[in-house]
Amino acid sequence: MLNLESIIGLEVHLELNTKSKFFCACSNKEADEPNVNVCPVCLGHPGVLPTLNKEAVIKALKLGLALNGKINENSFFERKNYFYPDLPKGYQISQYQLPLVSGGRVQTEEGIINLERIHLEEDTAKIFHFNDLSLLDFNRAGVPLVEIVTRPEIKSPNQAKVFLEELQRIVRCLGISDADMEKGQLRCDSNISLRPKGDKNFYPKIEIKNLNSFRAVENALNYEIKQQKESWNKNNPPKHQITKGWDENRELTFKQRSKEEENDYRYFPEPDLPLIDVNFFKEQGIDIDFLKNNLPELPFQKRKYFMEECGFDAGQAKILAQTEPTGVYSKRVIFKLNEFLKEIGCSKKEISAKTKKLINKWLINQLLVLQKNSPEKEFQITPEDFSEFLNKILERKIPDYAGQEILKKIFETGKNVEEIISEYNFKTTENKDELKKIVQEVINNNPEIVKKINQGKTNIIQYLIGQIMKKTRGQVEPKLVQEILERELKK
């Protein structure tokens, strides 16, 4: 068996959320009916001329800056010539020789993935196949895209998936695209080849087209690696570049056609569009330095903050920084909680420990889970209200056992903590003498259970705790009950 390694490169197509299409005034909004957001320009009628959408260029520049790419002062559009039914002009307006952005990188939990380029191009129409019939919807034709091309240095299907997940978080953070793979706003072509470990040569690659989910990318690459390994071990590695599709139902790749080379597309400069001159755009109000200095905090920067400044582990930081609103919300809650802990005299070490414990228990494992299970519901609890909830947990004005129910009521109603406590009459029993009497009563009423506990069957102490909670109508901390119960049992 040969010792083989996989070499993976990705070409990611991202739809930009501009108001209008790339080269015409048609709406760039999802339509309920086919072929309604169309005009002679995006339908490729003879004699029409494209007009560049400045908003698309600005959004692409933001992405290039966020990914540490080199912004080329001059770039230009080219015609990528090929015939396919979804391309009415017979060519696609794209960039090749001199893209808007060269290089760049994406920092992920699986390491840094370097980019070859980021360029602009127009989207094509959408084809629907029905048995022996194919239909075209041109609503998507002419929608502005950025294509993000990685270097062929991704080592595993999992690393490819993690890269795409991080890229999705970044573009959503920048606000340049919703990047919803189910809606085709983020699509991926994967290039995969194998080679013996230590060999620095590149061998013919297989391109898997239009993968529309993270799962599909990972599964398609895993399947193709398995197929290519079998070919290599039979001394019959791929000899030609091939384009394949992915059958989600059968979970296998299938051949579509031989893969084109760059010269097959006969690229040449688009004569109907001028050079993209960054200095000219600066005169039009697009200042590169201004865009760079006003980028939002990116997901990896948020994760770094939660880990290095707040002490959370990588998994917790990933959850807290999963979206732009969640990251902002989490930072605000932590800030307010820290302020409260300082006010009540906690040391720096105590503040760190208590914050991590409360945020993990109540924000990560309670509130964000409620939000995940009800994604259609707006976040009704303000950071201030949630911080107040945590303060009352700390002060034991809300017992732990009731906290979950209170939080759920706040989430569902949008009312503040005080209203919910008042409405549902949640309170604690602080009279320890009264509680000791109830504990002793339960002990006296359950001699057999007490005998078994004294014989070493300590787990059944939970039964006695349950009996005490019933008698106190749940108005006391279970932890306090257990402390007093254990003390009384030792007498």
Protein backbone atom coordinates (compact mmCIF):
# COMPACT_ATOMS: atom_id res chain seq x y z
CA MET A 1 0.00 0.00 0.00
CA LEU A 2 1.39 3.38 -1.01
CA ASN A 3 1.73 6.11 1.62
CA LEU A 4 -0.30 8.85 -0.06
CA GLU A 5 -1.25 12.38 0.90
CA SER A 6 -4.12 14.47 -0.43
CA ILE A 7 -3.71 17.92 -1.96
CA ILE A 8 -6.91 19.96 -1.92
CA GLY A 9 -7.72 23.37 -3.31
CA LEU A 10 -11.08 25.12 -3.13
CA GLU A 11 -12.80 27.61 -5.41
CA VAL A 12 -15.54 29.34 -3.44
CA HIS A 13 -18.26 31.39 -5.13
CA LEU A 14 -19.89 33.94 -2.86
CA GLU A 15 -22.94 35.98 -3.85
CA LEU A 16 -22.68 39.59 -2.67
CA ASN A 17 -25.79 41.11 -1.10
CA THR A 18 -25.89 44.26 -3.22
CA LYS A 19 -29.19 46.00 -3.98
CA SER A 20 -28.86 45.49 -7.72
CA LYS A 21 -27.05 43.10 -10.04
CA PHE A 22 -23.45 43.53 -11.16
CA PHE A 23 -23.86 45.19 -14.55
CA CYS A 24 -27.50 46.27 -14.68
CA ALA A 25 -30.22 47.82 -12.50
CA CYS A 26 -32.18 44.57 -11.91
CA SER A 27 -32.94 43.75 -8.27
CA ASN A 28 -30.54 41.42 -6.49
CA LYS A 29 -33.23 40.08 -4.18
CA GLU A 30 -34.61 36.56 -3.97
CA ALA A 31 -37.79 36.35 -6.05
CA ASP A 32 -40.79 34.07 -5.60
CA GLU A 33 -41.27 33.70 -9.37
CA PRO A 34 -38.69 32.73 -12.01
CA ASN A 35 -37.44 35.24 -14.59
CA VAL A 36 -38.83 38.41 -12.99
CA ASN A 37 -35.55 40.14 -12.05
CA VAL A 38 -34.31 40.28 -15.64
CA CYS A 39 -33.55 42.81 -18.37
CA PRO A 40 -31.83 42.84 -21.79
CA VAL A 41 -28.39 43.23 -20.11
CA CYS A 42 -28.55 40.14 -17.86
CA LEU A 43 -30.34 38.20 -20.60
CA GLY A 44 -27.43 38.87 -22.96
CA HIS A 45 -29.34 40.64 -25.73
CA PRO A 46 -27.23 41.91 -28.66
CA GLY A 47 -25.93 45.46 -28.41
CA VAL A 48 -26.44 46.00 -24.68
CA LEU A 49 -23.66 47.47 -22.52
CA PRO A 50 -22.75 46.62 -18.90
CA THR A 51 -22.45 49.27 -16.17
CA LEU A 52 -20.27 48.45 -13.15
CA ASN A 53 -21.91 48.23 -9.70
CA LYS A 54 -19.69 50.24 -7.33
CA GLU A 55 -21.25 48.63 -4.24
CA ALA A 56 -20.02 45.19 -5.37
CA VAL A 57 -16.45 46.49 -5.67
CA ILE A 58 -16.59 47.99 -2.15
CA LYS A 59 -17.82 44.71 -0.64
CA ALA A 60 -15.10 42.75 -2.45
CA LEU A 61 -12.48 45.22 -1.19
CA LYS A 62 -13.70 44.73 2.39
CA LEU A 63 -13.29 40.97 2.02
CA GLY A 64 -9.81 41.35 0.55
CA LEU A 65 -8.73 43.64 3.38
CA ALA A 66 -10.24 41.39 6.07
CA LEU A 67 -8.36 38.39 4.65
CA ASN A 68 -5.05 40.30 4.46
CA GLY A 69 -4.90 40.21 0.68
CA LYS A 70 -2.96 42.63 -1.53
CA ILE A 71 -5.32 45.13 -3.16
CA ASN A 72 -4.17 45.66 -6.73
CA GLU A 73 -4.31 49.34 -7.64
CA ASN A 74 -5.35 48.41 -11.15
CA SER A 75 -7.36 45.39 -12.18
CA PHE A 76 -9.60 44.64 -15.12
CA PHE A 77 -12.42 42.40 -16.29
CA GLU A 78 -12.09 39.71 -18.93
CA ARG A 79 -14.41 37.56 -20.98
CA LYS A 80 -14.31 33.90 -20.02
CA ASN A 81 -15.60 32.19 -23.14
CA TYR A 82 -17.54 28.95 -22.97
CA PHE A 83 -20.95 27.75 -24.05
CA TYR A 84 -23.52 26.46 -21.61
CA PRO A 85 -27.28 27.08 -21.49
CA ASP A 86 -27.05 29.12 -18.25
CA LEU A 87 -24.73 31.66 -19.94
CA PRO A 88 -26.80 33.63 -22.51
CA LYS A 89 -23.94 35.79 -23.84
CA GLY A 90 -21.70 32.80 -24.53
CA TYR A 91 -19.13 34.28 -22.15
CA GLN A 92 -18.89 35.23 -18.48
CA ILE A 93 -17.53 38.59 -17.31
CA SER A 94 -14.82 37.62 -14.84
CA GLN A 95 -11.23 38.38 -13.81
CA TYR A 96 -8.16 36.22 -14.36
CA GLN A 97 -4.83 37.86 -15.19
CA LEU A 98 -5.10 40.77 -12.77
CA PRO A 99 -7.72 40.21 -10.06
CA LEU A 100 -8.92 42.79 -7.56
CA VAL A 101 -7.07 41.00 -4.71
CA SER A 102 -3.95 38.83 -4.77
CA GLY A 103 -3.06 36.45 -1.96
CA GLY A 104 -4.64 36.57 1.49
CA ARG A 105 -5.23 34.01 4.21
CA VAL A 106 -7.92 32.61 6.48
CA GLN A 107 -6.99 31.72 10.04
CA THR A 108 -8.89 28.65 11.27
CA GLU A 109 -8.71 26.28 14.22
CA GLU A 110 -7.08 23.81 11.80
CA GLY A 111 -4.33 26.26 10.84
CA ILE A 112 -3.89 29.07 8.31
CA ILE A 113 -5.17 28.51 4.77
CA ASN A 114 -3.45 30.74 2.21
CA LEU A 115 -5.30 32.16 -0.78
CA GLU A 116 -4.25 32.50 -4.38
CA ARG A 117 -6.60 35.36 -5.22
CA ILE A 118 -10.02 36.94 -4.74
CA HIS A 119 -11.68 38.14 -7.92
CA LEU A 120 -15.02 39.48 -9.11
CA GLU A 121 -17.33 37.89 -11.65
CA GLU A 122 -21.00 37.62 -12.57
CA ASP A 123 -23.21 34.68 -11.65
CA THR A 124 -24.99 32.51 -14.21
CA ALA A 125 -28.63 31.47 -14.59
CA LYS A 126 -30.00 28.51 -12.65
CA ILE A 127 -30.90 25.29 -14.46
CA PHE A 128 -33.70 22.99 -13.31
CA HIS A 129 -33.72 19.46 -14.73
CA PHE A 130 -36.98 17.47 -14.94
CA ASN A 131 -36.41 14.06 -16.56
CA ASP A 132 -35.90 14.96 -20.26
CA LEU A 133 -36.73 18.64 -19.74
CA SER A 134 -34.47 21.50 -18.58
CA LEU A 135 -35.73 24.95 -17.55
CA LEU A 136 -33.79 28.18 -16.96
CA ASP A 137 -34.33 30.85 -14.32
CA PHE A 138 -32.35 34.03 -15.09
CA ASN A 139 -33.09 35.79 -11.78
CA ARG A 140 -29.59 34.82 -10.63
CA ALA A 141 -27.85 35.71 -13.92
CA GLY A 142 -25.65 38.76 -13.43
CA VAL A 143 -25.64 38.66 -9.63
CA PRO A 144 -22.22 39.87 -8.38
CA LEU A 145 -19.91 37.14 -7.10
CA VAL A 146 -16.52 37.06 -5.50
CA GLU A 147 -14.52 33.91 -6.16
CA ILE A 148 -12.08 32.97 -3.40
CA VAL A 149 -9.39 30.59 -4.65
CA THR A 150 -7.19 28.82 -2.11
CA ARG A 151 -3.72 27.53 -2.73
CA PRO A 152 -3.50 23.73 -3.12
CA GLU A 153 -2.37 23.20 0.45
CA ILE A 154 -5.45 21.92 2.28
CA LYS A 155 -4.55 18.51 3.67
CA SER A 156 -7.86 16.89 4.62
CA PRO A 157 -11.61 17.04 3.97
CA ASN A 158 -12.14 18.17 7.57
CA GLN A 159 -9.72 21.07 7.10
CA ALA A 160 -11.62 22.05 3.95
CA LYS A 161 -14.92 22.03 5.87
CA VAL A 162 -13.45 24.07 8.75
CA PHE A 163 -12.08 26.62 6.25
CA LEU A 164 -15.52 27.06 4.67
CA GLU A 165 -17.22 27.41 8.05
CA GLU A 166 -14.74 30.12 9.07
CA LEU A 167 -15.10 31.90 5.73
CA GLN A 168 -18.88 31.92 6.18
CA ARG A 169 -18.49 33.48 9.65
CA ILE A 170 -16.16 36.16 8.27
CA VAL A 171 -18.39 37.26 5.37
CA ARG A 172 -21.42 37.36 7.66
CA CYS A 173 -19.43 39.44 10.13
CA LEU A 174 -18.49 41.84 7.32
CA GLY A 175 -22.14 42.03 6.25
CA ILE A 176 -21.31 41.44 2.57
CA SER A 177 -23.34 38.24 2.14
CA ASP A 178 -25.71 35.96 4.03
CA ALA A 179 -23.57 33.09 2.68
CA ASP A 180 -26.43 30.61 2.97
CA MET A 181 -25.31 27.42 1.22
CA GLU A 182 -28.85 26.06 1.01
CA LYS A 183 -29.87 29.11 -1.04
CA GLY A 184 -26.79 28.91 -3.27
CA GLN A 185 -25.26 32.10 -1.88
CA LEU A 186 -22.09 30.17 -1.01
CA ARG A 187 -21.03 27.42 -3.42
CA CYS A 188 -17.84 25.46 -3.59
CA ASP A 189 -15.83 23.58 -6.23
CA SER A 190 -13.23 21.23 -4.75
CA ASN A 191 -10.02 20.18 -6.52
CA ILE A 192 -8.40 17.03 -5.21
CA SER A 193 -5.33 15.03 -6.18
CA LEU A 194 -3.10 12.54 -4.37
CA ARG A 195 0.63 12.00 -4.37
CA PRO A 196 3.15 9.81 -2.52
CA LYS A 197 4.34 11.47 0.68
CA GLY A 198 7.59 13.31 0.09
CA ASP A 199 6.84 13.77 -3.63
CA LYS A 200 6.64 17.48 -4.48
CA ASN A 201 5.05 17.02 -7.90
CA PHE A 202 1.39 17.75 -8.64
CA TYR A 203 -0.69 15.12 -10.42
CA PRO A 204 -3.90 15.47 -12.48
CA LYS A 205 -6.69 16.75 -10.25
CA ILE A 206 -10.36 15.91 -10.04
CA GLU A 207 -12.71 18.87 -9.71
CA ILE A 208 -15.98 18.26 -7.87
CA LYS A 209 -18.48 20.96 -8.88
CA ASN A 210 -21.18 22.93 -7.03
CA LEU A 211 -21.06 21.42 -3.56
CA ASN A 212 -23.76 23.20 -1.58
CA SER A 213 -23.21 22.17 2.04
CA PHE A 214 -20.29 21.71 4.42
CA ARG A 215 -21.28 18.07 4.79
CA ALA A 216 -21.28 17.58 1.01
CA VAL A 217 -17.77 19.05 0.70
CA GLU A 218 -16.38 16.77 3.39
CA ASN A 219 -18.17 13.63 2.17
CA ALA A 220 -17.38 14.20 -1.52
CA LEU A 221 -13.68 14.70 -0.78
CA ASN A 222 -13.55 11.63 1.48
CA TYR A 223 -15.17 9.54 -1.25
CA GLU A 224 -12.83 10.84 -3.95
CA ILE A 225 -9.75 10.22 -1.77
CA LYS A 226 -10.86 6.62 -1.30
CA GLN A 227 -11.38 6.19 -5.08
CA GLN A 228 -8.04 7.74 -5.98
CA LYS A 229 -6.18 5.66 -3.38
CA GLU A 230 -7.58 2.51 -4.97
CA SER A 231 -6.42 3.72 -8.40
CA TRP A 232 -2.94 4.57 -7.14
CA ASN A 233 -2.56 1.21 -5.42
CA LYS A 234 -3.55 -0.51 -8.68
CA ASN A 235 -0.77 1.50 -10.37
CA ASN A 236 -3.42 3.40 -12.32
CA PRO A 237 -3.51 6.98 -10.92
CA PRO A 238 -5.64 9.65 -12.69
CA LYS A 239 -3.98 10.66 -15.97
CA HIS A 240 -6.28 13.52 -16.98
CA GLN A 241 -8.11 16.32 -15.23
CA ILE A 242 -11.78 15.47 -14.89
CA THR A 243 -14.84 17.38 -13.68
CA LYS A 244 -17.21 15.40 -11.50
CA GLY A 245 -20.51 15.94 -9.75
CA TRP A 246 -21.64 14.74 -6.32
CA ASP A 247 -24.69 12.54 -5.88
CA GLU A 248 -25.93 13.33 -2.37
CA ASN A 249 -28.40 10.44 -2.27
CA ARG A 250 -25.97 7.72 -3.37
CA GLU A 251 -22.98 9.47 -1.73
CA LEU A 252 -20.63 9.10 -4.67
CA THR A 253 -18.98 11.25 -7.34
CA PHE A 254 -19.74 10.80 -11.05
CA LYS A 255 -17.96 12.00 -14.18
CA GLN A 256 -19.43 15.00 -15.99
CA ARG A 257 -16.77 16.00 -18.52
CA SER A 258 -13.05 16.47 -19.07
CA LYS A 259 -11.87 19.52 -17.17
CA GLU A 260 -11.06 22.61 -19.19
CA GLU A 261 -7.65 24.28 -19.07
CA GLU A 262 -7.34 28.06 -18.72
CA ASN A 263 -6.48 28.48 -22.40
CA ASP A 264 -9.74 26.70 -23.34
CA TYR A 265 -11.63 29.72 -22.03
CA ARG A 266 -9.79 32.13 -24.40
CA TYR A 267 -9.67 34.94 -21.85
CA PHE A 268 -9.36 38.45 -23.27
CA PRO A 269 -10.01 41.91 -21.75
CA GLU A 270 -13.66 42.98 -21.58
CA PRO A 271 -13.84 45.89 -24.03
CA ASP A 272 -17.07 47.35 -22.58
CA LEU A 273 -15.75 47.91 -19.04
CA PRO A 274 -12.92 50.24 -17.94
CA LEU A 275 -10.01 49.35 -15.69
CA ILE A 276 -10.77 49.23 -11.98
CA ASP A 277 -8.49 52.02 -10.75
CA VAL A 278 -8.40 52.07 -6.95
CA ASN A 279 -7.17 55.68 -6.98
CA PHE A 280 -10.14 56.66 -9.14
CA PHE A 281 -12.44 54.90 -6.70
CA LYS A 282 -10.80 56.87 -3.89
CA GLU A 283 -11.93 60.05 -5.64
CA GLN A 284 -15.42 58.56 -5.69
CA GLY A 285 -15.41 58.11 -1.92
CA ILE A 286 -13.90 54.59 -1.65
CA ASP A 287 -10.85 55.08 0.55
CA ILE A 288 -8.93 51.82 1.13
CA ASP A 289 -7.43 53.02 4.42
CA PHE A 290 -10.86 54.06 5.68
CA LEU A 291 -12.33 50.64 4.77
CA LYS A 292 -9.41 48.86 6.45
CA ASN A 293 -9.61 50.92 9.66
CA ASN A 294 -13.36 50.39 9.94
CA LEU A 295 -13.48 46.63 9.56
CA PRO A 296 -15.44 44.91 12.35
CA GLU A 297 -13.73 42.60 14.82
CA LEU A 298 -13.40 39.30 12.97
CA PRO A 299 -14.44 35.90 14.40
CA PHE A 300 -10.90 34.69 15.12
CA GLN A 301 -10.18 37.98 16.92
CA LYS A 302 -13.30 37.51 19.05
CA ARG A 303 -12.28 33.94 19.87
CA LYS A 304 -8.80 35.17 20.80
CA TYR A 305 -10.35 37.75 23.14
CA PHE A 306 -12.57 35.20 24.89
CA MET A 307 -9.66 32.79 25.31
CA GLU A 308 -6.78 35.14 26.21
CA GLU A 309 -8.64 37.90 28.05
CA CYS A 310 -11.46 35.88 29.65
CA GLY A 311 -9.89 32.43 30.05
CA PHE A 312 -12.45 30.36 28.12
CA ASP A 313 -11.32 27.23 26.29
CA ALA A 314 -11.36 27.00 22.47
CA GLY A 315 -14.76 25.27 22.33
CA GLN A 316 -16.43 27.84 24.58
CA ALA A 317 -14.82 30.74 22.71
CA LYS A 318 -16.08 29.35 19.41
CA ILE A 319 -19.67 29.32 20.71
CA LEU A 320 -19.45 32.82 22.19
CA ALA A 321 -18.08 34.19 18.91
CA GLN A 322 -20.23 32.11 16.56
CA THR A 323 -21.98 35.15 15.04
CA GLU A 324 -21.41 38.90 15.11
CA PRO A 325 -24.49 39.59 17.34
CA THR A 326 -23.60 36.73 19.71
CA GLY A 327 -20.02 37.98 20.08
CA VAL A 328 -21.12 41.54 20.84
CA TYR A 329 -23.80 40.28 23.25
CA SER A 330 -21.38 37.99 25.10
CA LYS A 331 -18.75 40.71 25.52
CA ARG A 332 -21.36 43.11 26.91
CA VAL A 333 -22.67 40.52 29.40
CA ILE A 334 -19.14 39.68 30.57
CA PHE A 335 -18.31 43.37 31.01
CA LYS A 336 -21.46 44.01 33.11
CA LEU A 337 -20.89 40.86 35.17
CA ASN A 338 -17.27 41.83 35.89
CA GLU A 339 -18.42 45.27 37.01
CA PHE A 340 -20.86 43.72 39.49
CA LEU A 341 -18.24 41.29 40.84
CA LYS A 342 -15.83 44.20 41.41
CA GLU A 343 -18.55 46.11 43.28
CA ILE A 344 -19.12 43.23 45.71
CA GLY A 345 -15.38 43.02 46.43
CA CYS A 346 -14.27 39.96 44.45
CA SER A 347 -10.57 39.62 43.67
CA LYS A 348 -9.30 39.44 40.09
CA LYS A 349 -8.91 35.67 40.42
CA GLU A 350 -12.43 35.27 41.83
CA ILE A 351 -13.89 37.46 39.07
CA SER A 352 -12.28 35.28 36.40
CA ALA A 353 -13.43 32.01 37.99
CA LYS A 354 -17.00 33.14 38.70
CA THR A 355 -17.40 34.73 35.26
CA LYS A 356 -16.28 31.59 33.44
CA LYS A 357 -18.56 29.40 35.54
CA LEU A 358 -21.65 31.60 35.15
CA ILE A 359 -21.16 32.29 31.43
CA ASN A 360 -20.61 28.61 30.67
CA LYS A 361 -23.61 27.47 32.71
CA TRP A 362 -26.15 30.16 31.90
CA LEU A 363 -25.15 31.81 28.62
CA ILE A 364 -23.55 28.94 26.66
CA ASN A 365 -25.59 26.01 27.99
CA GLN A 366 -28.92 27.76 28.64
CA LEU A 367 -29.62 31.03 26.82
CA LEU A 368 -27.80 30.24 23.56
CA VAL A 369 -29.41 26.80 23.50
CA LEU A 370 -32.84 28.42 23.87
CA GLN A 371 -31.95 30.74 20.98
CA LYS A 372 -30.69 27.86 18.83
CA ASN A 373 -33.90 25.90 19.40
CA SER A 374 -36.01 28.95 18.46
CA PRO A 375 -34.01 30.62 15.64
CA GLU A 376 -37.08 32.48 14.39
CA LYS A 377 -37.50 34.23 17.75
CA GLU A 378 -35.78 37.57 18.28
CA PHE A 379 -33.29 37.93 21.11
CA GLN A 380 -35.57 39.60 23.67
CA ILE A 381 -33.23 39.56 26.67
CA THR A 382 -30.92 42.56 26.65
CA PRO A 383 -27.33 42.09 27.88
CA GLU A 384 -28.25 44.28 30.86
CA ASP A 385 -31.28 42.13 31.80
CA PHE A 386 -29.27 38.94 31.42
CA SER A 387 -26.47 40.41 33.56
CA GLU A 388 -29.07 41.28 36.21
CA PHE A 389 -30.28 37.67 36.08
CA LEU A 390 -26.71 36.47 36.72
CA ASN A 391 -26.31 38.95 39.57
CA LYS A 392 -29.38 37.53 41.30
CA ILE A 393 -28.03 34.00 40.81
CA LEU A 394 -24.83 35.13 42.55
CA GLU A 395 -26.74 36.77 45.39
CA ARG A 396 -28.86 33.61 45.75
CA LYS A 397 -31.98 35.66 45.18
CA ILE A 398 -32.70 33.15 42.44
CA PRO A 399 -31.98 29.54 43.43
CA ASP A 400 -30.18 27.43 40.84
CA TYR A 401 -33.07 24.97 40.56
CA ALA A 402 -35.44 27.82 39.56
CA GLY A 403 -32.98 29.70 37.35
CA GLN A 404 -33.64 27.62 34.27
CA GLU A 405 -37.39 28.16 34.47
CA ILE A 406 -37.02 31.89 35.14
CA LEU A 407 -34.64 32.29 32.19
CA LYS A 408 -37.03 30.45 29.91
CA LYS A 409 -39.90 32.74 30.96
CA ILE A 410 -37.76 35.84 30.33
CA PHE A 411 -36.78 34.46 26.92
CA GLU A 412 -40.39 33.73 25.97
CA THR A 413 -41.98 36.94 27.27
CA GLY A 414 -39.28 39.60 27.10
CA LYS A 415 -40.13 40.69 30.65
CA ASN A 416 -37.35 41.66 33.06
CA VAL A 417 -36.10 39.49 35.92
CA GLU A 418 -38.03 41.31 38.67
CA GLU A 419 -41.34 40.95 36.80
CA ILE A 420 -40.85 37.21 36.33
CA ILE A 421 -39.81 36.63 39.95
CA SER A 422 -42.83 38.58 41.16
CA GLU A 423 -45.24 36.89 38.74
CA TYR A 424 -44.15 33.34 39.51
CA ASN A 425 -43.33 33.93 43.18
CA PHE A 426 -39.84 32.45 43.00
CA LYS A 427 -37.99 32.98 46.28
CA THR A 428 -35.57 31.29 48.63
CA THR A 429 -36.07 30.06 52.15
CA GLU A 430 -33.34 31.65 54.22
CA ASN A 431 -34.49 30.54 57.71
CA LYS A 432 -31.99 27.73 58.38
CA ASP A 433 -33.57 26.80 61.73
CA GLU A 434 -36.89 26.18 59.99
CA LEU A 435 -35.12 24.18 57.30
CA LYS A 436 -33.31 22.06 59.94
CA LYS A 437 -36.69 21.13 61.48
CA ILE A 438 -37.98 19.97 58.07
CA VAL A 439 -34.78 17.98 57.44
CA GLN A 440 -35.04 16.27 60.85
CA GLU A 441 -38.69 15.47 60.20
CA VAL A 442 -37.84 13.77 56.90
CA ILE A 443 -35.01 11.80 58.59
CA ASN A 444 -37.38 10.61 61.32
CA ASN A 445 -40.02 9.56 58.78
CA ASN A 446 -37.57 7.47 56.73
CA PRO A 447 -35.56 5.25 59.10
CA GLU A 448 -35.00 2.50 56.50
CA ILE A 449 -33.53 4.94 53.98
CA VAL A 450 -31.29 6.45 56.68
CA LYS A 451 -30.11 2.94 57.65
CA LYS A 452 -29.12 2.16 54.04
CA ILE A 453 -27.24 5.46 53.75
CA ASN A 454 -25.32 4.66 56.94
CA GLN A 455 -24.48 1.25 55.44
CA GLY A 456 -22.73 2.98 52.53
CA LYS A 457 -25.50 3.39 49.93
CA THR A 458 -24.95 7.14 49.77
CA ASN A 459 -26.62 7.62 46.36
CA ILE A 460 -30.09 7.21 47.83
CA ILE A 461 -29.62 10.44 49.79
CA GLN A 462 -31.22 12.02 46.71
CA TYR A 463 -34.53 10.47 47.78
CA LEU A 464 -34.42 12.37 51.09
CA ILE A 465 -33.44 15.58 49.29
CA GLY A 466 -36.48 15.14 47.07
CA GLN A 467 -38.77 14.71 50.11
CA ILE A 468 -37.38 17.89 51.69
CA MET A 469 -37.82 19.84 48.44
CA LYS A 470 -41.48 18.78 48.36
CA LYS A 471 -42.06 19.97 51.93
CA THR A 472 -40.41 23.32 51.22
CA ARG A 473 -42.41 23.58 47.96
CA GLY A 474 -39.15 23.96 46.07
CA GLN A 475 -38.36 27.26 47.76
CA VAL A 476 -34.82 26.37 48.81
CA GLU A 477 -31.49 25.63 47.20
CA PRO A 478 -30.89 21.86 46.73
CA LYS A 479 -27.23 22.44 47.55
CA LEU A 480 -28.15 23.99 50.91
CA VAL A 481 -30.57 21.12 51.61
CA GLN A 482 -27.84 18.57 50.97
CA GLU A 483 -25.36 20.38 53.23
CA ILE A 484 -27.79 20.46 56.18
CA LEU A 485 -29.01 16.91 55.52
CA GLU A 486 -25.49 15.44 55.48
CA ARG A 487 -24.70 17.34 58.69
CA GLU A 488 -27.81 16.03 60.45
CA LEU A 489 -27.21 12.43 59.30
CA LYS A 490 -23.78 12.45 60.96
CA LYS A 491 -25.22 13.33 64.38
